[in-house]
Amino acid sequence: MPATEVLQLIHTRQRLEVNDANLSDSSFVNVKLTNATFDDINFSHTTINNVNLSHVSITDADTTGMTIDGVLLSDLQAAYRASQK
């Protein structure tokens, strides 16, 4: 199997359109994605650290096993729903 090519974008300000791509094992450090759109994306087994998620909207997501600060999202959702009763 041929080695995966590494494309480096360093100190770059560009608008990217990425379709039908496999970016597995990629690394994003100090990247601004303000007003970006993600549709039909597989983020499974991804780690996100030191991130600003203010005003982010997530819909139609499979959040099985997802944690926020070590707490299962399903537990957070259950606690929220219980508090609304």
Protein backbone atom coordinates (compact mmCIF):
# COMPACT_ATOMS: atom_id res chain seq x y z
CA MET A 1 0.00 0.00 0.00
CA PRO A 2 1.52 3.37 -0.98
CA ALA A 3 2.39 5.90 1.73
CA THR A 4 -0.18 8.60 2.39
CA GLU A 5 0.81 11.97 0.98
CA VAL A 6 1.04 14.76 3.54
CA LEU A 7 -0.30 18.15 2.49
CA GLN A 8 0.86 20.93 4.80
CA LEU A 9 -0.92 24.28 5.02
CA ILE A 10 1.16 26.50 7.29
CA HIS A 11 0.50 30.20 7.95
CA THR A 12 -2.18 30.04 5.28
CA ARG A 13 -5.45 31.87 4.94
CA GLN A 14 -7.57 30.00 2.43
CA ARG A 15 -11.12 28.88 1.97
CA LEU A 16 -11.17 25.13 1.36
CA GLU A 17 -13.88 23.09 -0.31
CA VAL A 18 -13.32 19.45 0.54
CA ASN A 19 -15.63 16.79 -0.88
CA ASP A 20 -15.47 13.00 -0.77
CA ALA A 21 -12.13 13.05 1.06
CA ASN A 22 -10.49 10.83 3.64
CA LEU A 23 -8.57 13.04 6.08
CA SER A 24 -8.14 10.32 8.72
CA ASP A 25 -5.19 10.78 11.07
CA SER A 26 -4.93 14.47 10.16
CA SER A 27 -3.87 17.06 12.71
CA PHE A 28 -5.31 20.56 13.06
CA VAL A 29 -3.48 22.95 15.41
CA ASN A 30 -4.29 26.64 15.91
CA VAL A 31 -6.85 26.53 13.09
CA LYS A 32 -9.76 28.92 12.71
CA LEU A 33 -12.93 27.36 11.28
CA THR A 34 -15.33 30.22 12.07
CA ASN A 35 -18.50 29.98 9.96
CA ALA A 36 -17.37 26.62 8.55
CA THR A 37 -19.95 24.01 7.59
CA PHE A 38 -19.55 20.29 8.15
CA ASP A 39 -22.11 17.96 6.55
CA ASP A 40 -22.06 14.15 6.50
CA ILE A 41 -18.80 14.00 8.47
CA ASN A 42 -17.38 11.05 10.42
CA PHE A 43 -15.65 12.43 13.53
CA SER A 44 -15.68 9.05 15.36
CA HIS A 45 -12.71 8.43 17.66
CA THR A 46 -11.65 12.08 17.33
CA THR A 47 -10.20 14.12 20.20
CA ILE A 48 -10.91 17.83 20.39
CA ASN A 49 -8.97 19.91 22.94
CA ASN A 50 -8.89 23.60 23.86
CA VAL A 51 -11.73 24.45 21.50
CA ASN A 52 -14.20 27.33 21.31
CA LEU A 53 -17.62 25.82 20.60
CA SER A 54 -19.65 28.95 21.35
CA HIS A 55 -22.74 29.25 19.18
CA VAL A 56 -22.13 25.85 17.54
CA SER A 57 -25.24 23.96 16.45
CA ILE A 58 -25.18 20.17 16.06
CA THR A 59 -28.16 18.34 14.59
CA ASP A 60 -28.84 14.74 13.54
CA ALA A 61 -25.70 13.49 15.30
CA ASP A 62 -24.85 10.01 16.59
CA THR A 63 -23.30 10.91 19.95
CA THR A 64 -22.89 7.35 21.24
CA GLY A 65 -20.00 7.35 23.72
CA MET A 66 -19.33 11.09 23.29
CA THR A 67 -17.92 12.80 26.39
CA ILE A 68 -17.55 16.43 27.36
CA ASP A 69 -14.92 16.98 30.05
CA GLY A 70 -15.09 13.25 30.80
CA VAL A 71 -18.89 13.15 31.23
CA LEU A 72 -20.97 11.09 28.81
CA LEU A 73 -23.18 13.36 26.74
CA SER A 74 -26.03 10.87 27.15
CA ASP A 75 -25.78 11.36 30.95
CA LEU A 76 -25.80 15.14 30.53
CA GLN A 77 -28.85 14.91 28.26
CA ALA A 78 -30.66 12.62 30.73
CA ALA A 79 -29.94 14.99 33.62
CA TYR A 80 -31.18 17.94 31.58
CA ARG A 81 -34.39 16.16 30.58
CA ALA A 82 -35.00 15.12 34.22
CA SER A 83 -34.57 18.72 35.36
CA GLN A 84 -37.19 19.87 32.85
CA LYS A 85 -39.96 17.75 34.42
